[in-house]
Structure formats: structure tokens, C-alpha cells
Amino acid sequence: MDYSSQQAWRDIEACLPREFRLDGQGAPREDWWPWRGHRIHLDRFANPDAPAKVILFHGVGTNGREMSTVLGAPLFRSGLETVAVDMPGYGVTQVAPGNPATYDDWVRIASDFIDAELARDPRPIVLYGLSAGGMLTYHAAALNRRVKGIIGMTFLDQRERQVNDETSINLPMSRLGAPLMHLIAKTPLAGMRVPMRLAAKMNALVNDRAALRACLKDRTSAGAWVSVRFLSSYLRYRPAIEPEQFDVCPILLTQPEKDRWTPLHLSKIFLDRIGRVPKTVVMLGNAGHYPLEQPGLAQLHDAALAFVLSCCGHADRRVAVEAAS
């Protein structure tokens, strides 16, 4: 199955402003990339003349197609090349039988995909991640060390008790559920799957009620079920470079102003530990955690475009903007 035959993403897209919706001629090309038995799905907006490429990563409540609508397609219309990745367990990526992925695998997939893209052409790469995808950009950059910049819609270090407490569905899940998951992950029950909405504040994913209903119905995004093994590895992942030593590339946080799940202070816990690279915070007006609102969406596009061009040495370069914009 691919997104051309899936209705769920269209129901979610219908809640976006019209200018952010994909029409029949504006959809990305769907590709597949093999990784250790998985068939990783890619939404690709190819532009061989683009000065840079942006790789987009979803979190634990979204998928690659949702990244394409809010940022991948808008950046492509502004002259960049973009590709959104569906991690195993989300979107329409085909998971290898008997080989469910852990969060460690997500990081390795991201790093290996960066290498694969650079092998195809040497153009600079910047990473973007929404929600848990924001921290995934950091983890991938720390492991790979070949990207020019990272953009996160939150940077959440789940090893911090405050972060885990405030992003879990409730305090008992954080204080009791997480330790229990770590114990189960060491047993034959590690592959047991649980709905992500029972572990995290998925009801705060979007601020629009119709959009939230559509997201929670989608088993390839907010309605996904994940293994205990995945959750345990996600909560305990240790980066290749701790933030105090991170010197790979500049960082941009695009923080939704009306984020009811992961407010700014949770990302600051992590970002305040980084001192060796430039850090920038841009607030997205009126926007929720998965942003559907203006002016936040336009501000996300403008901040990301300027950051990418600056990171790649093209701050003064004019890029083609869609004539209809």
C-alpha cells in the first residue's frame, strides 16, 4: 500500500489551510528504500537544481505524509529538494516480518539514509523533525556528523524525569508505567504492542477537534500501536554525543505557540546544555503541536527556508517561489 490508496492522510490534510493541501498534481513521488529487510517509504520532492536537501522526520503521532504537507511541499515550492521518511511502525513503510524496529533502529535508519542520499549527490543536507522527530534529528546528526543543520519542533530528552512526566499521558504512566515497560522489554513479552495514545498525550497532538479525530483514527500515525521494546528504547536512548559536546551544526527550534503537549520549557532543558553551536528559537504564532494554523505554518516555512539557506552558504541566494503564492 502507498499513500495514493490511503484515505487517512487526506482526512487530516482537509483540516489544513487550502494552500497547504496537495492536489493531484502536487503530490510527492513515492519511493522505497531497503534497510535490513524493511522497505522504508519516502515522499520525495526532487529538484536537481536545488542548493540543498531537507530530510523530514515524523514523531510518534504523525507520519511522513503529514511532514510533506506542512513543510516538505512548501519548501519544495520555494526551490529546495525535500524527502520525508516513514519510520518502521508508521506511515506505509513495510516492516520486515519478525523484525520490529526499536528507537535505536530509527536513529540508525536516519543516519544510514543520510549516507545513502549523500552517495547519490553531494548537496548539503539539513534535517527537520516534528515532535519526537525533533530529537531524532539531533540523535541522527550526533551519530552521522555529516549534516549542515537541524530543525526541531521540540527537542525532548526523555531521560529527564520532568520531560517524561509532562509528556506522558499521566503521572502514574511516567512513574510506574515506564519502569514496568523497561522490565517487560527484557522478557519474551517485549514484542507486545500497545496503543501510543495510552502512553503519551496524543489528545494534545492538534488543537482542532475534527483534525484530532482524524489523526486518532489513523493507525499509521496518531493511532499507531508500538512495541514495549520500542517504547523502552525510546525512553532510554543515549546519544552518540551529549549536548555539552555537540559541535556538528547549528540548531533551530520552531516552537508552536499554543503547543498543549510539549511547551517551550521542555525543549529548553535540553537546548540550554548546548553551547558549542548556534541555537535559534522561532515561535510559531497560534500553532498547535502538529501545526494546522496560520500564521504559524507560514512562519515555519519562512524560518526553515532561511535557516537551510544560511546553513548551506546560500543566505543571499534567491530561490524560485511558486508563482501562485
C-alpha atoms as a PDB file:
ATOM      1  CA  MET A   1       0.000   0.000   0.000  1.00  0.00           C
ATOM      2  CA  ASP A   2       1.102   3.556  -0.659  1.00  0.00           C
ATOM      3  CA  TYR A   3      -0.426   6.961   0.084  1.00  0.00           C
ATOM      4  CA  SER A   4      -2.200   7.137  -3.279  1.00  0.00           C
ATOM      5  CA  SER A   5      -4.581   4.475  -1.962  1.00  0.00           C
ATOM      6  CA  GLN A   6      -4.876   5.737   1.618  1.00  0.00           C
ATOM      7  CA  GLN A   7      -7.737   7.959   2.770  1.00  0.00           C
ATOM      8  CA  ALA A   8      -6.497   8.737   6.299  1.00  0.00           C
ATOM      9  CA  TRP A   9      -3.916  11.355   5.314  1.00  0.00           C
ATOM     10  CA  ARG A  10      -6.475  13.100   3.081  1.00  0.00           C
ATOM     11  CA  ASP A  11      -8.886  13.408   6.011  1.00  0.00           C
ATOM     12  CA  ILE A  12      -6.132  15.025   8.098  1.00  0.00           C
ATOM     13  CA  GLU A  13      -4.990  17.228   5.219  1.00  0.00           C
ATOM     14  CA  ALA A  14      -8.532  18.571   4.819  1.00  0.00           C
ATOM     15  CA  CYS A  15      -8.078  20.403   8.132  1.00  0.00           C
ATOM     16  CA  LEU A  16      -5.087  22.388   6.803  1.00  0.00           C
ATOM     17  CA  PRO A  17      -5.380  25.793   5.138  1.00  0.00           C
ATOM     18  CA  ARG A  18      -6.088  25.277   1.440  1.00  0.00           C
ATOM     19  CA  GLU A  19      -2.654  26.496   0.340  1.00  0.00           C
ATOM     20  CA  PHE A  20      -1.022  23.659   2.303  1.00  0.00           C
ATOM     21  CA  ARG A  21      -3.046  20.864   0.721  1.00  0.00           C
ATOM     22  CA  LEU A  22      -1.667  18.638  -2.012  1.00  0.00           C
ATOM     23  CA  ASP A  23      -3.712  18.423  -5.189  1.00  0.00           C
ATOM     24  CA  GLY A  24      -3.477  15.708  -7.839  1.00  0.00           C
ATOM     25  CA  GLN A  25      -0.506  17.405  -9.487  1.00  0.00           C
ATOM     26  CA  GLY A  26       1.260  18.433  -6.297  1.00  0.00           C
ATOM     27  CA  ALA A  27       1.808  15.128  -4.531  1.00  0.00           C
ATOM     28  CA  PRO A  28       5.354  13.875  -3.935  1.00  0.00           C
ATOM     29  CA  ARG A  29       6.856  10.951  -5.790  1.00  0.00           C
ATOM     30  CA  GLU A  30       6.647   7.837  -3.634  1.00  0.00           C
ATOM     31  CA  ASP A  31       9.871   5.833  -3.379  1.00  0.00           C
ATOM     32  CA  TRP A  32      11.071   2.862  -1.361  1.00  0.00           C
ATOM     33  CA  TRP A  33      14.476   2.369   0.234  1.00  0.00           C
ATOM     34  CA  PRO A  34      15.588  -1.030   1.633  1.00  0.00           C
ATOM     35  CA  TRP A  35      17.069  -1.246   5.114  1.00  0.00           C
ATOM     36  CA  ARG A  36      17.760  -4.580   6.838  1.00  0.00           C
ATOM     37  CA  GLY A  37      14.630  -6.227   5.464  1.00  0.00           C
ATOM     38  CA  HIS A  38      12.367  -3.188   5.887  1.00  0.00           C
ATOM     39  CA  ARG A  39      11.051  -1.258   2.866  1.00  0.00           C
ATOM     40  CA  ILE A  40      11.281   2.351   4.035  1.00  0.00           C
ATOM     41  CA  HIS A  41       8.729   4.593   2.353  1.00  0.00           C
ATOM     42  CA  LEU A  42       9.835   8.009   1.080  1.00  0.00           C
ATOM     43  CA  ASP A  43       7.836  11.060  -0.019  1.00  0.00           C
ATOM     44  CA  ARG A  44      10.246  12.745  -2.418  1.00  0.00           C
ATOM     45  CA  PHE A  45      10.006  16.215  -3.941  1.00  0.00           C
ATOM     46  CA  ALA A  46      13.013  16.065  -6.260  1.00  0.00           C
ATOM     47  CA  ASN A  47      14.713  19.220  -7.533  1.00  0.00           C
ATOM     48  CA  PRO A  48      18.183  18.608  -9.007  1.00  0.00           C
ATOM     49  CA  ASP A  49      18.784  22.363  -9.191  1.00  0.00           C
ATOM     50  CA  ALA A  50      18.093  22.959  -5.503  1.00  0.00           C
ATOM     51  CA  PRO A  51      21.018  24.288  -3.432  1.00  0.00           C
ATOM     52  CA  ALA A  52      20.163  21.940  -0.554  1.00  0.00           C
ATOM     53  CA  LYS A  53      18.070  18.979   0.510  1.00  0.00           C
ATOM     54  CA  VAL A  54      15.859  18.727   3.598  1.00  0.00           C
ATOM     55  CA  ILE A  55      15.096  15.306   5.100  1.00  0.00           C
ATOM     56  CA  LEU A  56      11.942  15.318   7.215  1.00  0.00           C
ATOM     57  CA  PHE A  57      11.201  13.004  10.144  1.00  0.00           C
ATOM     58  CA  HIS A  58       7.887  12.458  11.924  1.00  0.00           C
ATOM     59  CA  GLY A  59       7.391  11.758  15.608  1.00  0.00           C
ATOM     60  CA  VAL A  60       5.314   9.158  17.453  1.00  0.00           C
ATOM     61  CA  GLY A  61       1.960  10.683  16.463  1.00  0.00           C
ATOM     62  CA  THR A  62       2.452  11.565  12.799  1.00  0.00           C
ATOM     63  CA  ASN A  63       3.949  10.128   9.605  1.00  0.00           C
ATOM     64  CA  GLY A  64       5.966  11.201   6.590  1.00  0.00           C
ATOM     65  CA  ARG A  65       2.994  12.333   4.526  1.00  0.00           C
ATOM     66  CA  GLU A  66       1.988  14.712   7.302  1.00  0.00           C
ATOM     67  CA  MET A  67       5.518  16.147   7.158  1.00  0.00           C
ATOM     68  CA  SER A  68       5.172  16.603   3.395  1.00  0.00           C
ATOM     69  CA  THR A  69       2.016  18.687   3.747  1.00  0.00           C
ATOM     70  CA  VAL A  70       3.117  21.089   6.478  1.00  0.00           C
ATOM     71  CA  LEU A  71       6.700  21.664   5.298  1.00  0.00           C
ATOM     72  CA  GLY A  72       8.023  19.323   2.595  1.00  0.00           C
ATOM     73  CA  ALA A  73       5.815  20.636  -0.200  1.00  0.00           C
ATOM     74  CA  PRO A  74       6.066  24.317   0.851  1.00  0.00           C
ATOM     75  CA  LEU A  75       9.886  24.166   0.891  1.00  0.00           C
ATOM     76  CA  PHE A  76       9.876  22.413  -2.488  1.00  0.00           C
ATOM     77  CA  ARG A  77       7.748  25.206  -3.931  1.00  0.00           C
ATOM     78  CA  SER A  78      10.391  27.604  -2.637  1.00  0.00           C
ATOM     79  CA  GLY A  79      13.176  25.880  -4.530  1.00  0.00           C
ATOM     80  CA  LEU A  80      14.519  23.204  -2.176  1.00  0.00           C
ATOM     81  CA  GLU A  81      14.540  19.425  -2.512  1.00  0.00           C
ATOM     82  CA  THR A  82      12.760  17.535   0.263  1.00  0.00           C
ATOM     83  CA  VAL A  83      12.211  13.930   1.233  1.00  0.00           C
ATOM     84  CA  ALA A  84      10.022  12.711   4.112  1.00  0.00           C
ATOM     85  CA  VAL A  85      10.733   9.342   5.723  1.00  0.00           C
ATOM     86  CA  ASP A  86       8.253   6.863   7.224  1.00  0.00           C
ATOM     87  CA  MET A  87       9.948   5.081  10.095  1.00  0.00           C
ATOM     88  CA  PRO A  88       9.023   1.414  10.749  1.00  0.00           C
ATOM     89  CA  GLY A  89       5.688   1.221  12.542  1.00  0.00           C
ATOM     90  CA  TYR A  90       4.406   4.437  10.971  1.00  0.00           C
ATOM     91  CA  GLY A  91       3.115   5.555   7.618  1.00  0.00           C
ATOM     92  CA  VAL A  92       3.229   2.946   4.858  1.00  0.00           C
ATOM     93  CA  THR A  93       6.741   1.609   5.436  1.00  0.00           C
ATOM     94  CA  GLN A  94       6.735  -2.181   5.172  1.00  0.00           C
ATOM     95  CA  VAL A  95       8.233  -3.733   8.304  1.00  0.00           C
ATOM     96  CA  ALA A  96      10.356  -6.856   7.938  1.00  0.00           C
ATOM     97  CA  PRO A  97       8.463  -9.903   9.261  1.00  0.00           C
ATOM     98  CA  GLY A  98       9.598 -10.806  12.757  1.00  0.00           C
ATOM     99  CA  ASN A  99      11.858  -7.740  12.967  1.00  0.00           C
ATOM    100  CA  PRO A 100      10.018  -4.860  14.676  1.00  0.00           C
ATOM    101  CA  ALA A 101      12.214  -1.784  14.957  1.00  0.00           C
ATOM    102  CA  THR A 102      13.418  -0.123  18.139  1.00  0.00           C
ATOM    103  CA  TYR A 103      14.099   3.586  18.531  1.00  0.00           C
ATOM    104  CA  ASP A 104      17.808   2.788  18.180  1.00  0.00           C
ATOM    105  CA  ASP A 105      16.915   1.421  14.745  1.00  0.00           C
ATOM    106  CA  TRP A 106      15.136   4.684  13.896  1.00  0.00           C
ATOM    107  CA  VAL A 107      18.342   6.595  14.617  1.00  0.00           C
ATOM    108  CA  ARG A 108      20.441   4.177  12.575  1.00  0.00           C
ATOM    109  CA  ILE A 109      17.942   4.316   9.704  1.00  0.00           C
ATOM    110  CA  ALA A 110      18.116   8.117   9.721  1.00  0.00           C
ATOM    111  CA  SER A 111      21.929   8.097   9.724  1.00  0.00           C
ATOM    112  CA  ASP A 112      22.196   5.438   7.031  1.00  0.00           C
ATOM    113  CA  PHE A 113      19.677   7.274   4.873  1.00  0.00           C
ATOM    114  CA  ILE A 114      21.733  10.465   5.130  1.00  0.00           C
ATOM    115  CA  ASP A 115      24.742   8.493   3.902  1.00  0.00           C
ATOM    116  CA  ALA A 116      22.688   6.996   1.060  1.00  0.00           C
ATOM    117  CA  GLU A 117      21.484  10.420  -0.049  1.00  0.00           C
ATOM    118  CA  LEU A 118      24.983  11.908   0.073  1.00  0.00           C
ATOM    119  CA  ALA A 119      26.231   8.983  -2.009  1.00  0.00           C
ATOM    120  CA  ARG A 120      23.666   9.916  -4.664  1.00  0.00           C
ATOM    121  CA  ASP A 121      24.789  13.562  -4.752  1.00  0.00           C
ATOM    122  CA  PRO A 122      26.955  15.780  -2.526  1.00  0.00           C
ATOM    123  CA  ARG A 123      24.496  18.605  -1.943  1.00  0.00           C
ATOM    124  CA  PRO A 124      24.239  19.724   1.696  1.00  0.00           C
ATOM    125  CA  ILE A 125      21.558  18.167   3.885  1.00  0.00           C
ATOM    126  CA  VAL A 126      19.524  19.738   6.684  1.00  0.00           C
ATOM    127  CA  LEU A 127      17.219  17.681   8.906  1.00  0.00           C
ATOM    128  CA  TYR A 128      13.743  18.605  10.126  1.00  0.00           C
ATOM    129  CA  GLY A 129      11.757  16.743  12.758  1.00  0.00           C
ATOM    130  CA  LEU A 130       8.356  17.275  14.330  1.00  0.00           C
ATOM    131  CA  SER A 131       7.601  16.288  17.919  1.00  0.00           C
ATOM    132  CA  ALA A 132       9.796  13.264  18.778  1.00  0.00           C
ATOM    133  CA  GLY A 133      11.233  13.701  15.290  1.00  0.00           C
ATOM    134  CA  GLY A 134      12.968  16.834  16.558  1.00  0.00           C
ATOM    135  CA  MET A 135      15.110  14.841  18.947  1.00  0.00           C
ATOM    136  CA  LEU A 136      15.568  12.240  16.218  1.00  0.00           C
ATOM    137  CA  THR A 137      17.268  14.917  14.095  1.00  0.00           C
ATOM    138  CA  TYR A 138      19.694  15.545  16.951  1.00  0.00           C
ATOM    139  CA  HIS A 139      20.354  11.858  17.554  1.00  0.00           C
ATOM    140  CA  ALA A 140      20.916  11.240  13.832  1.00  0.00           C
ATOM    141  CA  ALA A 141      23.186  14.277  13.473  1.00  0.00           C
ATOM    142  CA  ALA A 142      25.217  13.230  16.512  1.00  0.00           C
ATOM    143  CA  LEU A 143      25.672   9.742  15.094  1.00  0.00           C
ATOM    144  CA  ASN A 144      26.245  10.736  11.462  1.00  0.00           C
ATOM    145  CA  ARG A 145      28.048  14.120  11.792  1.00  0.00           C
ATOM    146  CA  ARG A 146      27.529  14.943   8.088  1.00  0.00           C
ATOM    147  CA  VAL A 147      24.521  17.282   8.132  1.00  0.00           C
ATOM    148  CA  LYS A 148      24.652  21.072   7.924  1.00  0.00           C
ATOM    149  CA  GLY A 149      21.820  21.913  10.301  1.00  0.00           C
ATOM    150  CA  ILE A 150      18.894  20.517  12.292  1.00  0.00           C
ATOM    151  CA  ILE A 151      15.410  21.946  12.778  1.00  0.00           C
ATOM    152  CA  GLY A 152      13.221  20.574  15.549  1.00  0.00           C
ATOM    153  CA  MET A 153       9.637  21.103  16.536  1.00  0.00           C
ATOM    154  CA  THR A 154      10.656  20.316  20.141  1.00  0.00           C
ATOM    155  CA  PHE A 155      13.824  18.696  21.483  1.00  0.00           C
ATOM    156  CA  LEU A 156      12.757  16.291  24.203  1.00  0.00           C
ATOM    157  CA  ASP A 157      15.303  14.332  26.214  1.00  0.00           C
ATOM    158  CA  GLN A 158      13.133  11.571  27.664  1.00  0.00           C
ATOM    159  CA  ARG A 159      15.891  10.649  30.110  1.00  0.00           C
ATOM    160  CA  GLU A 160      14.883  13.766  32.073  1.00  0.00           C
ATOM    161  CA  ARG A 161      12.181  12.985  34.639  1.00  0.00           C
ATOM    162  CA  GLN A 162      10.374  16.308  34.105  1.00  0.00           C
ATOM    163  CA  VAL A 163      10.180  15.722  30.359  1.00  0.00           C
ATOM    164  CA  ASN A 164       8.856  12.199  30.793  1.00  0.00           C
ATOM    165  CA  ASP A 165       6.381  13.316  33.460  1.00  0.00           C
ATOM    166  CA  GLU A 166       4.933  16.129  31.355  1.00  0.00           C
ATOM    167  CA  THR A 167       4.753  14.292  28.027  1.00  0.00           C
ATOM    168  CA  SER A 168       3.296  11.016  29.335  1.00  0.00           C
ATOM    169  CA  ILE A 169      -0.467  10.661  29.371  1.00  0.00           C
ATOM    170  CA  ASN A 170      -0.398  10.969  33.171  1.00  0.00           C
ATOM    171  CA  LEU A 171       1.980  10.822  36.127  1.00  0.00           C
ATOM    172  CA  PRO A 172       1.320   7.138  37.002  1.00  0.00           C
ATOM    173  CA  MET A 173       2.271   6.160  33.433  1.00  0.00           C
ATOM    174  CA  SER A 174       5.521   8.102  33.794  1.00  0.00           C
ATOM    175  CA  ARG A 175       6.480   6.996  37.302  1.00  0.00           C
ATOM    176  CA  LEU A 176       5.113   3.426  37.231  1.00  0.00           C
ATOM    177  CA  GLY A 177       4.418   2.560  33.595  1.00  0.00           C
ATOM    178  CA  ALA A 178       7.845   3.454  32.239  1.00  0.00           C
ATOM    179  CA  PRO A 179       9.816   1.323  34.749  1.00  0.00           C
ATOM    180  CA  LEU A 180       7.403  -1.550  34.100  1.00  0.00           C
ATOM    181  CA  MET A 181       7.987  -1.251  30.346  1.00  0.00           C
ATOM    182  CA  HIS A 182      11.756  -1.407  30.883  1.00  0.00           C
ATOM    183  CA  LEU A 183      11.307  -4.647  32.840  1.00  0.00           C
ATOM    184  CA  ILE A 184       8.959  -6.175  30.241  1.00  0.00           C
ATOM    185  CA  ALA A 185      11.389  -5.203  27.474  1.00  0.00           C
ATOM    186  CA  LYS A 186      13.834  -7.740  28.940  1.00  0.00           C
ATOM    187  CA  THR A 187      11.313 -10.592  28.729  1.00  0.00           C
ATOM    188  CA  PRO A 188       9.689 -12.614  25.913  1.00  0.00           C
ATOM    189  CA  LEU A 189       6.790 -10.126  26.134  1.00  0.00           C
ATOM    190  CA  ALA A 190       8.964  -7.310  24.741  1.00  0.00           C
ATOM    191  CA  GLY A 191       7.170  -7.517  21.403  1.00  0.00           C
ATOM    192  CA  MET A 192       3.762  -6.855  22.972  1.00  0.00           C
ATOM    193  CA  ARG A 193       2.157  -3.859  21.254  1.00  0.00           C
ATOM    194  CA  VAL A 194       0.312  -1.026  22.975  1.00  0.00           C
ATOM    195  CA  PRO A 195      -1.521   1.972  21.507  1.00  0.00           C
ATOM    196  CA  MET A 196       0.660   5.060  21.612  1.00  0.00           C
ATOM    197  CA  ARG A 197      -2.314   7.096  22.786  1.00  0.00           C
ATOM    198  CA  LEU A 198      -2.239   5.199  26.117  1.00  0.00           C
ATOM    199  CA  ALA A 199       1.402   6.140  26.705  1.00  0.00           C
ATOM    200  CA  ALA A 200       1.550   9.775  25.583  1.00  0.00           C
ATOM    201  CA  LYS A 201      -0.679  12.857  25.464  1.00  0.00           C
ATOM    202  CA  MET A 202      -1.936  12.106  21.970  1.00  0.00           C
ATOM    203  CA  ASN A 203      -5.115  14.089  22.690  1.00  0.00           C
ATOM    204  CA  ALA A 204      -2.906  17.205  22.604  1.00  0.00           C
ATOM    205  CA  LEU A 205      -1.440  16.431  19.173  1.00  0.00           C
ATOM    206  CA  VAL A 206      -3.566  19.016  17.375  1.00  0.00           C
ATOM    207  CA  ASN A 207      -5.815  21.772  18.665  1.00  0.00           C
ATOM    208  CA  ASP A 208      -8.562  21.288  16.071  1.00  0.00           C
ATOM    209  CA  ARG A 209     -11.135  18.697  17.215  1.00  0.00           C
ATOM    210  CA  ALA A 210     -12.001  17.406  13.737  1.00  0.00           C
ATOM    211  CA  ALA A 211      -8.320  17.018  12.916  1.00  0.00           C
ATOM    212  CA  LEU A 212      -7.690  15.217  16.219  1.00  0.00           C
ATOM    213  CA  ARG A 213     -10.449  12.714  15.479  1.00  0.00           C
ATOM    214  CA  ALA A 214      -8.970  12.073  12.033  1.00  0.00           C
ATOM    215  CA  CYS A 215      -5.462  11.645  13.470  1.00  0.00           C
ATOM    216  CA  LEU A 216      -6.500   9.245  16.237  1.00  0.00           C
ATOM    217  CA  LYS A 217      -8.401   7.080  13.725  1.00  0.00           C
ATOM    218  CA  ASP A 218      -5.258   6.720  11.606  1.00  0.00           C
ATOM    219  CA  ARG A 219      -3.345   3.567  12.595  1.00  0.00           C
ATOM    220  CA  THR A 220      -0.379   4.838  10.552  1.00  0.00           C
ATOM    221  CA  SER A 221       0.072   7.999  12.664  1.00  0.00           C
ATOM    222  CA  ALA A 222      -1.562   9.035  15.961  1.00  0.00           C
ATOM    223  CA  GLY A 223      -3.484   5.755  16.185  1.00  0.00           C
ATOM    224  CA  ALA A 224      -0.348   3.622  15.863  1.00  0.00           C
ATOM    225  CA  TRP A 225       0.450   0.731  18.181  1.00  0.00           C
ATOM    226  CA  VAL A 226       4.109   0.241  19.134  1.00  0.00           C
ATOM    227  CA  SER A 227       6.019  -2.493  20.922  1.00  0.00           C
ATOM    228  CA  VAL A 228       7.098  -2.300  24.539  1.00  0.00           C
ATOM    229  CA  ARG A 229      10.631  -2.827  23.226  1.00  0.00           C
ATOM    230  CA  PHE A 230      10.318   0.329  21.097  1.00  0.00           C
ATOM    231  CA  LEU A 231       8.952   2.436  23.964  1.00  0.00           C
ATOM    232  CA  SER A 232      11.691   1.288  26.326  1.00  0.00           C
ATOM    233  CA  SER A 233      14.422   2.087  23.810  1.00  0.00           C
ATOM    234  CA  TYR A 234      12.833   5.462  23.046  1.00  0.00           C
ATOM    235  CA  LEU A 235      12.763   6.496  26.692  1.00  0.00           C
ATOM    236  CA  ARG A 236      16.337   5.350  27.359  1.00  0.00           C
ATOM    237  CA  TYR A 237      18.194   6.274  24.173  1.00  0.00           C
ATOM    238  CA  ARG A 238      21.652   7.728  24.816  1.00  0.00           C
ATOM    239  CA  PRO A 239      23.015   9.961  22.014  1.00  0.00           C
ATOM    240  CA  ALA A 240      26.390   9.436  20.380  1.00  0.00           C
ATOM    241  CA  ILE A 241      27.304  12.970  21.531  1.00  0.00           C
ATOM    242  CA  GLU A 242      25.901  14.518  24.691  1.00  0.00           C
ATOM    243  CA  PRO A 243      24.668  18.104  24.235  1.00  0.00           C
ATOM    244  CA  GLU A 244      27.592  19.700  26.083  1.00  0.00           C
ATOM    245  CA  GLN A 245      29.975  18.304  23.441  1.00  0.00           C
ATOM    246  CA  PHE A 246      27.729  18.685  20.371  1.00  0.00           C
ATOM    247  CA  ASP A 247      29.625  20.603  17.685  1.00  0.00           C
ATOM    248  CA  VAL A 248      28.147  19.228  14.461  1.00  0.00           C
ATOM    249  CA  CYS A 249      25.884  22.004  13.155  1.00  0.00           C
ATOM    250  CA  PRO A 250      23.552  24.904  14.026  1.00  0.00           C
ATOM    251  CA  ILE A 251      20.168  24.182  15.595  1.00  0.00           C
ATOM    252  CA  LEU A 252      16.772  25.816  15.021  1.00  0.00           C
ATOM    253  CA  LEU A 253      13.807  25.192  17.322  1.00  0.00           C
ATOM    254  CA  THR A 254      10.460  26.083  15.752  1.00  0.00           C
ATOM    255  CA  GLN A 255       8.200  26.131  18.804  1.00  0.00           C
ATOM    256  CA  PRO A 256       4.405  26.221  18.347  1.00  0.00           C
ATOM    257  CA  GLU A 257       2.963  28.995  20.481  1.00  0.00           C
ATOM    258  CA  LYS A 258      -0.120  27.017  21.556  1.00  0.00           C
ATOM    259  CA  ASP A 259       1.515  23.615  21.989  1.00  0.00           C
ATOM    260  CA  ARG A 260      -0.503  21.840  24.711  1.00  0.00           C
ATOM    261  CA  TRP A 261       1.777  18.780  24.730  1.00  0.00           C
ATOM    262  CA  THR A 262       5.384  19.986  24.672  1.00  0.00           C
ATOM    263  CA  PRO A 263       5.725  23.655  25.646  1.00  0.00           C
ATOM    264  CA  LEU A 264       8.962  25.601  25.223  1.00  0.00           C
ATOM    265  CA  HIS A 265      10.372  24.968  28.687  1.00  0.00           C
ATOM    266  CA  LEU A 266      10.716  21.229  27.981  1.00  0.00           C
ATOM    267  CA  SER A 267      12.941  21.823  24.958  1.00  0.00           C
ATOM    268  CA  LYS A 268      14.966  24.406  26.868  1.00  0.00           C
ATOM    269  CA  ILE A 269      16.015  21.729  29.356  1.00  0.00           C
ATOM    270  CA  PHE A 270      17.981  20.150  26.530  1.00  0.00           C
ATOM    271  CA  LEU A 271      18.948  23.190  24.458  1.00  0.00           C
ATOM    272  CA  ASP A 272      20.357  25.041  27.479  1.00  0.00           C
ATOM    273  CA  ARG A 273      23.025  22.329  27.716  1.00  0.00           C
ATOM    274  CA  ILE A 274      24.274  23.066  24.181  1.00  0.00           C
ATOM    275  CA  GLY A 275      26.957  25.734  23.940  1.00  0.00           C
ATOM    276  CA  ARG A 276      29.252  24.885  21.044  1.00  0.00           C
ATOM    277  CA  VAL A 277      26.920  25.627  18.100  1.00  0.00           C
ATOM    278  CA  PRO A 278      24.495  28.469  17.305  1.00  0.00           C
ATOM    279  CA  LYS A 279      20.940  27.980  18.588  1.00  0.00           C
ATOM    280  CA  THR A 280      17.853  29.863  17.428  1.00  0.00           C
ATOM    281  CA  VAL A 281      14.252  29.728  18.674  1.00  0.00           C
ATOM    282  CA  VAL A 282      11.348  30.859  16.466  1.00  0.00           C
ATOM    283  CA  MET A 283       7.828  30.912  17.894  1.00  0.00           C
ATOM    284  CA  LEU A 284       5.005  29.839  15.580  1.00  0.00           C
ATOM    285  CA  GLY A 285       2.003  32.045  16.215  1.00  0.00           C
ATOM    286  CA  ASN A 286      -1.341  30.427  17.033  1.00  0.00           C
ATOM    287  CA  ALA A 287       0.031  26.966  16.203  1.00  0.00           C
ATOM    288  CA  GLY A 288      -0.566  23.670  17.989  1.00  0.00           C
ATOM    289  CA  HIS A 289       1.844  20.768  18.462  1.00  0.00           C
ATOM    290  CA  TYR A 290       1.166  19.450  14.960  1.00  0.00           C
ATOM    291  CA  PRO A 291       0.576  22.863  13.415  1.00  0.00           C
ATOM    292  CA  LEU A 292      -2.532  23.394  11.308  1.00  0.00           C
ATOM    293  CA  GLU A 293      -2.903  27.091  11.968  1.00  0.00           C
ATOM    294  CA  GLN A 294      -1.778  30.373  10.468  1.00  0.00           C
ATOM    295  CA  PRO A 295       0.349  32.380  10.849  1.00  0.00           C
ATOM    296  CA  GLY A 296       2.366  29.509  12.398  1.00  0.00           C
ATOM    297  CA  LEU A 297       2.579  27.462   9.206  1.00  0.00           C
ATOM    298  CA  ALA A 298       3.857  30.402   7.170  1.00  0.00           C
ATOM    299  CA  GLN A 299       6.343  31.267   9.922  1.00  0.00           C
ATOM    300  CA  LEU A 300       7.557  27.650   9.964  1.00  0.00           C
ATOM    301  CA  HIS A 301       8.201  27.768   6.221  1.00  0.00           C
ATOM    302  CA  ASP A 302       9.943  31.142   6.316  1.00  0.00           C
ATOM    303  CA  ALA A 303      12.158  30.269   9.294  1.00  0.00           C
ATOM    304  CA  ALA A 304      13.085  26.846   7.889  1.00  0.00           C
ATOM    305  CA  LEU A 305      13.889  28.224   4.425  1.00  0.00           C
ATOM    306  CA  ALA A 306      16.094  30.999   5.798  1.00  0.00           C
ATOM    307  CA  PHE A 307      17.856  28.563   8.158  1.00  0.00           C
ATOM    308  CA  VAL A 308      18.545  25.992   5.435  1.00  0.00           C
ATOM    309  CA  LEU A 309      19.988  28.560   3.046  1.00  0.00           C
ATOM    310  CA  SER A 310      22.124  30.073   5.809  1.00  0.00           C
ATOM    311  CA  CYS A 311      23.472  26.684   6.922  1.00  0.00           C
ATOM    312  CA  CYS A 312      24.370  25.786   3.358  1.00  0.00           C
ATOM    313  CA  GLY A 313      26.087  29.047   2.482  1.00  0.00           C
ATOM    314  CA  HIS A 314      23.270  30.428   0.334  1.00  0.00           C
ATOM    315  CA  ALA A 315      21.835  33.059   2.643  1.00  0.00           C
ATOM    316  CA  ASP A 316      21.702  35.637  -0.156  1.00  0.00           C
ATOM    317  CA  ARG A 317      20.602  33.283  -2.896  1.00  0.00           C
ATOM    318  CA  ARG A 318      17.167  33.839  -4.410  1.00  0.00           C
ATOM    319  CA  VAL A 319      15.176  30.642  -4.850  1.00  0.00           C
ATOM    320  CA  ALA A 320      12.179  30.191  -7.064  1.00  0.00           C
ATOM    321  CA  VAL A 321       8.882  30.721  -5.276  1.00  0.00           C
ATOM    322  CA  GLU A 322       5.697  29.266  -6.689  1.00  0.00           C
ATOM    323  CA  ALA A 323       4.025  31.864  -8.862  1.00  0.00           C
ATOM    324  CA  ALA A 324       0.682  31.263  -7.223  1.00  0.00           C
ATOM    325  CA  SER A 325       1.978  32.087  -3.744  1.00  0.00           C
END
